Amino acid sequence: MKQLKKMTPEEIEENAYLIKESIEEHFGSIKDSRRACSISHRLENIIFITICAILCTANDLKGITMYAEGKEEWLKKILGIQKIPSYSTFWWTFVLLKPSEIQNAFVNWARTVTGTLDGDIIAIDGKALRATANPGKAHSFVNMVSAWSARHNFTLAQQKVDGKSNEITAIPKLLDALDLNGAHVTIDAMGCQTEIAKKITDGGGDYTLALKENQQNLYDECENFFKQVNEDNLIDAECHMTEMNNDLEREKHGRVEKRKIYTTEAIDFLPKKEDWKNLKSIVCVYSTREIKGKISEERRYYISSLPSDPNLQAKAIRTHWGIENKVHWMLDVGFQEDKLKAKAGNIAENLAVIRHICLNLLKQDKSTKAGIANKRIKAVTNESYLLHVLGGLSKV
């Protein structure tokens, strides 16, 4: 494991100044929604302090304010300010800041880090911030849809779901923010819509979309077809198949899983298949799970714009769950996101974007072998490490 050199106070000051300049470069174009006559702190400085605070274990506005108070002299020196923002300044800033502004800045920064998405698997999935719900009002919580790069293990963009709608309306907006040329996009069944398939292919990408009963006729036809397919009639059915066994699970957890992935391009029988732009193949994942001698089975179905290739689809479908394990789970465990109750204005949405920035930065760091929560503890106790992590903002 690479050991970080401890910086001198002069080196810390110099590096912090360069990082502040990087934040101004990437986030300085954000339009400030506060009244000009009431602004006493530059928006870039508030964002700089907020990113530092969240990296250093702050989870909400009170924590951010406490961090600023604890680091007052350092922040005043680095930022060249006479006083640090108060709690009310942070509160009003994030209440009023238009989420589209910080989201666009985030997307532009992410592009400088990841570059082209050609050949990448891009997983799209939603996450509810459940503590933001209003008591007695179903589905009143903030729900964010994110796009995640498997190659870079990096969140690329987020989009809030309209409270009066669902992920179907948010996903197209998210796709508009990405350069999908050459990318392979995977989405769960909510995104299995003809317009979403068209938007992906019009953007130069390919898709694998989970199929469930929300597309009843298509689902029924795929189900009927694959129930008649097995290893003995693959040639007659014009199918390809690969098998994935996870026998190590038996040793670790007392269970064993086996998967068979079937794909075919023989899809002329599908109803209205021409409605799905560039639809070339359908996929079935047949899974069996044995736990303490009891066996259960499951079949899942997908449609894809890619040719029949079970190995490719197995990788894409397996990889899709990375957004759950490497993003959503980490946000809940490392940042306590599912417990944060911010409800006023745009606070929840804006801070959700900044948490994604911080998670990306922490995952880029390879110098410390530790989980996200422990990396945050190290950041608050070691300014050299904090600046090392912040250096990811200017990575190209």
Protein backbone atom coordinates (compact mmCIF):
# COMPACT_ATOMS: atom_id res chain seq x y z
CA MET A 1 0.00 0.00 0.00
CA LYS A 2 1.41 3.37 -1.03
CA GLN A 3 2.30 5.62 1.90
CA LEU A 4 1.42 9.29 1.59
CA LYS A 5 4.13 11.80 2.32
CA LYS A 6 3.20 14.10 5.18
CA MET A 7 2.97 17.64 3.86
CA THR A 8 4.54 20.65 5.50
CA PRO A 9 2.18 23.51 6.44
CA GLU A 10 3.41 25.42 3.38
CA GLU A 11 2.74 22.44 1.08
CA ILE A 12 -0.72 21.99 2.61
CA GLU A 13 -1.53 25.64 1.97
CA GLU A 14 -0.24 25.48 -1.62
CA ASN A 15 -2.14 22.28 -2.43
CA ALA A 16 -5.34 23.55 -0.84
CA TYR A 17 -5.12 26.70 -2.96
CA LEU A 18 -4.73 24.65 -6.16
CA ILE A 19 -7.72 22.49 -5.22
CA LYS A 20 -9.79 25.61 -4.49
CA GLU A 21 -8.92 26.80 -7.99
CA SER A 22 -10.03 23.43 -9.38
CA ILE A 23 -13.39 23.73 -7.62
CA GLU A 24 -13.79 27.23 -9.03
CA GLU A 25 -12.99 25.85 -12.50
CA HIS A 26 -15.55 23.06 -12.34
CA PHE A 27 -18.24 24.65 -10.18
CA GLY A 28 -17.67 28.37 -10.64
CA SER A 29 -20.19 28.60 -13.46
CA ILE A 30 -23.08 27.61 -11.18
CA LYS A 31 -25.70 30.34 -11.08
CA ASP A 32 -26.22 31.59 -7.53
CA SER A 33 -29.93 31.67 -6.66
CA ARG A 34 -29.50 33.92 -3.64
CA ARG A 35 -30.40 37.61 -3.75
CA ALA A 36 -27.29 39.54 -4.77
CA CYS A 37 -27.78 42.14 -2.05
CA SER A 38 -27.68 39.46 0.68
CA ILE A 39 -24.60 37.52 -0.48
CA SER A 40 -21.65 37.70 1.90
CA HIS A 41 -19.95 34.40 0.94
CA ARG A 42 -19.04 33.28 -2.58
CA LEU A 43 -20.87 30.17 -3.72
CA GLU A 44 -17.60 28.45 -4.72
CA ASN A 45 -16.29 28.88 -1.17
CA ILE A 46 -19.45 27.39 0.30
CA ILE A 47 -19.18 24.39 -2.04
CA PHE A 48 -15.47 23.98 -1.19
CA ILE A 49 -16.22 23.94 2.54
CA THR A 50 -19.17 21.57 2.06
CA ILE A 51 -17.11 19.06 0.06
CA CYS A 52 -14.33 19.18 2.66
CA ALA A 53 -16.85 18.76 5.49
CA ILE A 54 -18.66 15.80 3.94
CA LEU A 55 -15.35 14.10 3.19
CA CYS A 56 -14.51 14.65 6.86
CA THR A 57 -17.56 12.82 8.32
CA ALA A 58 -20.17 15.63 8.24
CA ASN A 59 -23.51 14.26 7.03
CA ASP A 60 -25.90 17.20 7.35
CA LEU A 61 -25.87 21.00 7.51
CA LYS A 62 -25.22 21.04 11.26
CA GLY A 63 -22.23 18.79 10.78
CA ILE A 64 -20.98 20.96 7.92
CA THR A 65 -21.28 24.06 10.11
CA MET A 66 -19.43 22.36 12.98
CA TYR A 67 -16.63 21.35 10.60
CA ALA A 68 -16.34 24.94 9.36
CA GLU A 69 -16.17 26.21 12.93
CA GLY A 70 -13.52 23.66 13.86
CA LYS A 71 -11.38 24.49 10.82
CA GLU A 72 -12.11 28.23 10.91
CA GLU A 73 -8.54 29.54 10.86
CA TRP A 74 -7.42 27.08 8.15
CA LEU A 75 -10.41 27.85 5.93
CA LYS A 76 -10.03 31.61 6.39
CA LYS A 77 -6.37 31.37 5.34
CA ILE A 78 -6.98 29.06 2.37
CA LEU A 79 -10.03 30.89 1.04
CA GLY A 80 -8.87 34.40 1.90
CA ILE A 81 -12.05 35.21 3.80
CA GLN A 82 -12.66 37.22 6.97
CA LYS A 83 -15.28 34.91 8.45
CA ILE A 84 -16.75 31.50 7.80
CA PRO A 85 -20.37 30.90 6.71
CA SER A 86 -22.97 30.41 9.43
CA TYR A 87 -25.53 27.63 9.61
CA SER A 88 -28.18 29.93 8.13
CA THR A 89 -25.88 30.73 5.19
CA PHE A 90 -25.42 27.04 4.38
CA TRP A 91 -29.17 26.46 4.86
CA TRP A 92 -30.33 29.24 2.55
CA THR A 93 -27.68 28.45 -0.05
CA PHE A 94 -28.77 24.84 -0.48
CA VAL A 95 -32.48 25.60 -0.09
CA LEU A 96 -32.34 28.04 -3.01
CA LEU A 97 -29.63 26.55 -5.23
CA LYS A 98 -31.21 25.03 -8.34
CA PRO A 99 -30.23 21.34 -8.42
CA SER A 100 -29.87 21.43 -12.21
CA GLU A 101 -27.00 23.88 -11.79
CA ILE A 102 -24.88 21.69 -9.53
CA GLN A 103 -25.88 18.54 -11.43
CA ASN A 104 -24.64 20.02 -14.72
CA ALA A 105 -21.38 21.04 -13.09
CA PHE A 106 -21.05 17.53 -11.66
CA VAL A 107 -21.57 15.95 -15.10
CA ASN A 108 -18.96 18.19 -16.69
CA TRP A 109 -16.46 17.35 -13.95
CA ALA A 110 -17.18 13.62 -14.29
CA ARG A 111 -16.42 13.82 -18.02
CA THR A 112 -12.96 15.23 -17.33
CA VAL A 113 -12.24 12.26 -15.05
CA THR A 114 -13.74 9.38 -17.03
CA GLY A 115 -13.33 10.54 -20.62
CA THR A 116 -15.12 8.49 -23.27
CA LEU A 117 -17.69 5.89 -22.28
CA ASP A 118 -17.03 3.80 -25.41
CA GLY A 119 -17.02 0.12 -24.38
CA ASP A 120 -18.17 0.92 -20.84
CA ILE A 121 -21.17 -0.60 -19.06
CA ILE A 122 -23.40 2.17 -17.70
CA ALA A 123 -25.86 1.04 -15.02
CA ILE A 124 -28.88 3.24 -14.30
CA ASP A 125 -30.90 2.81 -11.13
CA GLY A 126 -32.92 4.80 -8.60
CA LYS A 127 -32.40 5.32 -4.87
CA ALA A 128 -34.95 6.65 -2.40
CA LEU A 129 -33.85 9.01 0.39
CA ARG A 130 -36.43 7.54 2.72
CA ALA A 131 -35.88 9.79 5.73
CA THR A 132 -37.01 12.77 3.62
CA ALA A 133 -40.58 11.40 3.47
CA ASN A 134 -43.43 13.36 5.04
CA PRO A 135 -45.37 11.31 7.61
CA GLY A 136 -48.63 9.99 6.23
CA LYS A 137 -47.74 10.80 2.62
CA ALA A 138 -46.84 7.74 0.57
CA HIS A 139 -43.86 8.10 -1.79
CA SER A 140 -43.20 11.67 -0.61
CA PHE A 141 -39.47 10.98 -0.18
CA VAL A 142 -36.83 12.36 -2.54
CA ASN A 143 -35.91 9.77 -5.16
CA MET A 144 -32.71 10.13 -7.20
CA VAL A 145 -31.82 8.21 -10.36
CA SER A 146 -28.10 7.78 -11.02
CA ALA A 147 -25.87 6.63 -13.86
CA TRP A 148 -22.76 4.67 -12.85
CA SER A 149 -19.69 3.76 -14.91
CA ALA A 150 -18.56 0.19 -14.26
CA ARG A 151 -15.16 0.73 -15.85
CA HIS A 152 -14.30 3.65 -13.58
CA ASN A 153 -16.50 2.71 -10.58
CA PHE A 154 -17.70 6.29 -10.81
CA THR A 155 -21.10 7.99 -10.64
CA LEU A 156 -21.59 10.02 -13.82
CA ALA A 157 -24.83 11.93 -13.21
CA GLN A 158 -28.00 12.10 -11.10
CA GLN A 159 -31.56 13.22 -11.72
CA LYS A 160 -34.35 13.72 -9.22
CA VAL A 161 -37.59 11.87 -9.90
CA ASP A 162 -40.57 14.20 -10.10
CA GLY A 163 -42.73 13.61 -7.04
CA LYS A 164 -45.83 13.31 -9.25
CA SER A 165 -44.19 10.85 -11.63
CA ASN A 166 -41.69 7.97 -11.54
CA GLU A 167 -38.31 6.94 -12.90
CA ILE A 168 -39.69 6.68 -16.44
CA THR A 169 -39.65 10.47 -16.78
CA ALA A 170 -36.32 10.97 -14.99
CA ILE A 171 -34.28 8.43 -16.98
CA PRO A 172 -34.53 10.25 -20.36
CA LYS A 173 -33.28 13.46 -18.73
CA LEU A 174 -30.40 11.53 -17.22
CA LEU A 175 -29.53 9.97 -20.57
CA ASP A 176 -29.50 13.43 -22.18
CA ALA A 177 -26.64 14.40 -19.87
CA LEU A 178 -24.38 11.54 -21.05
CA ASP A 179 -22.35 10.87 -24.17
CA LEU A 180 -23.49 7.30 -24.78
CA ASN A 181 -21.55 6.65 -27.97
CA GLY A 182 -20.27 3.07 -27.77
CA ALA A 183 -21.63 2.51 -24.25
CA HIS A 184 -23.73 -0.45 -23.08
CA VAL A 185 -26.59 0.81 -20.89
CA THR A 186 -28.35 -1.49 -18.41
CA ILE A 187 -31.60 -0.54 -16.65
CA ASP A 188 -34.09 -2.43 -14.49
CA ALA A 189 -37.67 -3.09 -15.57
CA MET A 190 -38.89 0.46 -14.84
CA GLY A 191 -36.72 1.66 -17.73
CA CYS A 192 -38.00 -0.94 -20.19
CA GLN A 193 -39.80 1.59 -22.38
CA THR A 194 -39.70 2.09 -26.15
CA GLU A 195 -38.75 5.78 -25.85
CA ILE A 196 -35.87 4.98 -23.52
CA ALA A 197 -34.57 2.29 -25.89
CA LYS A 198 -34.78 4.81 -28.74
CA LYS A 199 -32.96 7.51 -26.79
CA ILE A 200 -30.09 5.15 -25.97
CA THR A 201 -29.64 3.99 -29.55
CA ASP A 202 -30.07 7.50 -30.96
CA GLY A 203 -27.20 8.47 -28.65
CA GLY A 204 -24.97 5.80 -30.19
CA GLY A 205 -25.27 3.32 -27.33
CA ASP A 206 -26.68 -0.18 -26.84
CA TYR A 207 -29.10 -1.38 -24.21
CA THR A 208 -29.99 -4.38 -22.08
CA LEU A 209 -33.31 -3.73 -20.34
CA ALA A 210 -34.86 -5.95 -17.68
CA LEU A 211 -38.30 -7.18 -18.71
CA LYS A 212 -41.21 -7.72 -16.34
CA GLU A 213 -44.99 -7.69 -16.41
CA ASN A 214 -45.11 -3.93 -17.05
CA GLN A 215 -44.62 -5.02 -20.68
CA GLN A 216 -47.08 -7.91 -20.36
CA ASN A 217 -47.33 -9.19 -23.96
CA LEU A 218 -43.60 -8.99 -24.57
CA TYR A 219 -42.89 -10.63 -21.22
CA ASP A 220 -45.34 -13.48 -21.87
CA GLU A 221 -43.86 -14.24 -25.28
CA CYS A 222 -40.29 -14.29 -23.94
CA GLU A 223 -41.34 -16.47 -21.03
CA ASN A 224 -43.13 -18.96 -23.30
CA PHE A 225 -40.17 -19.15 -25.66
CA PHE A 226 -37.47 -19.75 -23.06
CA LYS A 227 -39.50 -22.29 -21.08
CA GLN A 228 -39.20 -24.53 -24.13
CA VAL A 229 -35.42 -24.15 -24.40
CA ASN A 230 -32.82 -26.40 -22.76
CA GLU A 231 -29.30 -27.64 -23.46
CA ASP A 232 -30.64 -30.38 -25.78
CA ASN A 233 -32.42 -28.15 -28.28
CA LEU A 234 -30.21 -25.05 -28.44
CA ILE A 235 -29.48 -25.49 -32.14
CA ASP A 236 -33.13 -26.01 -33.07
CA ALA A 237 -34.15 -23.01 -30.98
CA GLU A 238 -31.33 -20.89 -32.48
CA CYS A 239 -30.12 -20.14 -28.95
CA HIS A 240 -26.75 -19.64 -27.32
CA MET A 241 -26.11 -20.61 -23.72
CA THR A 242 -23.42 -20.21 -21.08
CA GLU A 243 -23.34 -21.51 -17.52
CA MET A 244 -22.04 -19.78 -14.39
CA ASN A 245 -21.63 -21.70 -11.15
CA ASN A 246 -20.77 -20.14 -7.83
CA ASP A 247 -19.76 -23.16 -5.81
CA LEU A 248 -17.61 -21.04 -3.49
CA GLU A 249 -20.81 -19.73 -1.94
CA ARG A 250 -21.39 -23.16 -0.38
CA GLU A 251 -18.15 -22.90 1.57
CA LYS A 252 -18.75 -19.29 2.64
CA HIS A 253 -22.46 -19.10 3.30
CA GLY A 254 -23.86 -22.61 3.05
CA ARG A 255 -25.50 -21.94 -0.30
CA VAL A 256 -24.69 -22.58 -3.93
CA GLU A 257 -25.99 -20.67 -6.94
CA LYS A 258 -26.00 -21.74 -10.56
CA ARG A 259 -26.98 -19.62 -13.52
CA LYS A 260 -27.63 -20.47 -17.14
CA ILE A 261 -27.82 -17.55 -19.54
CA TYR A 262 -29.72 -18.11 -22.81
CA THR A 263 -29.75 -15.60 -25.68
CA THR A 264 -31.30 -15.67 -29.14
CA GLU A 265 -31.74 -13.45 -32.18
CA ALA A 266 -34.66 -15.56 -33.45
CA ILE A 267 -37.22 -12.95 -32.36
CA ASP A 268 -39.54 -12.57 -35.34
CA PHE A 269 -42.35 -13.99 -33.20
CA LEU A 270 -42.27 -11.04 -30.76
CA PRO A 271 -45.32 -8.75 -30.86
CA LYS A 272 -44.57 -5.20 -32.04
CA LYS A 273 -40.83 -5.83 -31.94
CA GLU A 274 -40.40 -3.03 -34.48
CA ASP A 275 -41.49 -0.58 -31.75
CA TRP A 276 -38.21 -1.26 -29.93
CA LYS A 277 -35.47 0.49 -31.87
CA ASN A 278 -32.56 -1.78 -32.86
CA LEU A 279 -33.94 -4.71 -30.86
CA LYS A 280 -31.75 -7.69 -31.82
CA SER A 281 -31.95 -10.28 -29.05
CA ILE A 282 -33.74 -11.49 -25.95
CA VAL A 283 -32.13 -12.98 -22.86
CA CYS A 284 -33.12 -15.40 -20.12
CA VAL A 285 -31.20 -15.87 -16.88
CA TYR A 286 -32.23 -19.14 -15.26
CA SER A 287 -30.99 -19.30 -11.67
CA THR A 288 -31.12 -22.03 -9.08
CA ARG A 289 -30.18 -21.52 -5.45
CA GLU A 290 -29.59 -24.27 -2.91
CA ILE A 291 -29.68 -23.36 0.79
CA LYS A 292 -29.50 -26.13 3.37
CA GLY A 293 -30.75 -28.70 0.87
CA LYS A 294 -33.70 -26.60 -0.34
CA ILE A 295 -33.60 -25.57 -4.00
CA SER A 296 -35.40 -22.55 -5.47
CA GLU A 297 -35.37 -21.36 -9.06
CA GLU A 298 -35.96 -18.08 -10.85
CA ARG A 299 -36.15 -16.88 -14.45
CA ARG A 300 -35.42 -13.30 -15.42
CA TYR A 301 -35.84 -11.86 -18.90
CA TYR A 302 -34.20 -9.02 -20.81
CA ILE A 303 -34.31 -7.39 -24.22
CA SER A 304 -31.19 -6.05 -25.93
CA SER A 305 -29.97 -4.14 -28.96
CA LEU A 306 -26.86 -6.36 -29.02
CA PRO A 307 -26.46 -9.62 -30.97
CA SER A 308 -26.95 -12.95 -29.23
CA ASP A 309 -23.99 -13.42 -26.87
CA PRO A 310 -24.63 -15.07 -23.48
CA ASN A 311 -21.17 -14.27 -22.11
CA LEU A 312 -21.53 -10.58 -22.89
CA GLN A 313 -25.00 -10.45 -21.37
CA ALA A 314 -23.92 -12.39 -18.29
CA LYS A 315 -21.22 -9.81 -17.66
CA ALA A 316 -23.56 -6.85 -18.22
CA ILE A 317 -26.37 -8.20 -16.03
CA ARG A 318 -23.96 -9.13 -13.25
CA THR A 319 -22.20 -5.78 -13.52
CA HIS A 320 -25.47 -3.85 -13.26
CA TRP A 321 -25.72 -4.70 -9.56
CA GLY A 322 -22.52 -2.77 -8.97
CA ILE A 323 -24.56 0.41 -8.71
CA GLU A 324 -26.34 -1.12 -5.70
CA ASN A 325 -23.23 -2.53 -4.02
CA LYS A 326 -20.67 0.12 -4.92
CA VAL A 327 -22.84 3.25 -4.80
CA HIS A 328 -26.19 2.96 -3.02
CA TRP A 329 -24.98 0.65 -0.25
CA MET A 330 -21.89 2.80 0.33
CA LEU A 331 -23.98 5.97 0.56
CA ASP A 332 -26.16 4.37 3.24
CA VAL A 333 -23.33 2.75 5.21
CA GLY A 334 -20.54 5.29 4.69
CA PHE A 335 -22.62 8.50 4.68
CA GLN A 336 -25.79 7.44 6.54
CA GLU A 337 -27.78 8.79 3.59
CA ASP A 338 -30.92 6.80 4.32
CA LYS A 339 -31.19 8.47 7.75
CA LEU A 340 -30.82 12.11 6.64
CA LYS A 341 -34.03 14.08 7.04
CA ALA A 342 -33.38 17.34 5.14
CA LYS A 343 -36.71 18.34 3.57
CA ALA A 344 -36.67 22.11 3.06
CA GLY A 345 -36.34 23.43 -0.48
CA ASN A 346 -33.60 21.77 -2.51
CA ILE A 347 -31.34 20.77 0.40
CA ALA A 348 -31.79 16.99 0.06
CA GLU A 349 -31.22 16.95 -3.68
CA ASN A 350 -28.23 19.31 -3.63
CA LEU A 351 -26.46 17.50 -0.80
CA ALA A 352 -27.15 14.16 -2.50
CA VAL A 353 -25.14 15.39 -5.50
CA ILE A 354 -22.27 16.52 -3.26
CA ARG A 355 -22.26 13.14 -1.49
CA HIS A 356 -21.82 11.50 -4.91
CA ILE A 357 -18.89 13.84 -5.58
CA CYS A 358 -17.32 12.85 -2.25
CA LEU A 359 -17.96 9.13 -2.79
CA ASN A 360 -16.30 9.34 -6.22
CA LEU A 361 -13.29 11.09 -4.69
CA LEU A 362 -12.91 8.55 -1.89
CA LYS A 363 -13.20 5.60 -4.28
CA GLN A 364 -10.49 7.11 -6.51
CA ASP A 365 -8.05 7.02 -3.60
CA LYS A 366 -5.96 3.83 -3.70
CA SER A 367 -3.45 4.84 -1.03
CA THR A 368 -5.55 3.66 1.92
CA LYS A 369 -6.96 0.17 2.26
CA ALA A 370 -10.13 0.96 4.20
CA GLY A 371 -13.87 1.34 3.80
CA ILE A 372 -15.52 4.64 2.97
CA ALA A 373 -16.45 5.40 6.59
CA ASN A 374 -12.87 4.88 7.78
CA LYS A 375 -11.44 6.91 4.92
CA ARG A 376 -13.65 9.79 6.08
CA ILE A 377 -12.26 9.45 9.59
CA LYS A 378 -8.73 9.56 8.18
CA ALA A 379 -9.60 12.68 6.17
CA VAL A 380 -10.75 14.56 9.27
CA THR A 381 -7.60 13.65 11.22
CA ASN A 382 -5.02 14.04 8.44
CA GLU A 383 -4.99 17.17 6.27
CA SER A 384 -2.38 15.67 3.92
CA TYR A 385 -4.77 12.80 3.20
CA LEU A 386 -7.76 15.13 2.81
CA LEU A 387 -5.87 17.13 0.18
CA HIS A 388 -4.76 13.94 -1.54
CA VAL A 389 -8.42 12.88 -1.86
CA LEU A 390 -9.48 16.35 -3.00
CA GLY A 391 -6.80 16.17 -5.68
CA GLY A 392 -9.17 13.87 -7.59
CA LEU A 393 -11.17 16.95 -8.52
CA SER A 394 -8.48 17.95 -10.99
CA LYS A 395 -7.63 14.48 -12.31
CA VAL A 396 -7.65 14.28 -16.11
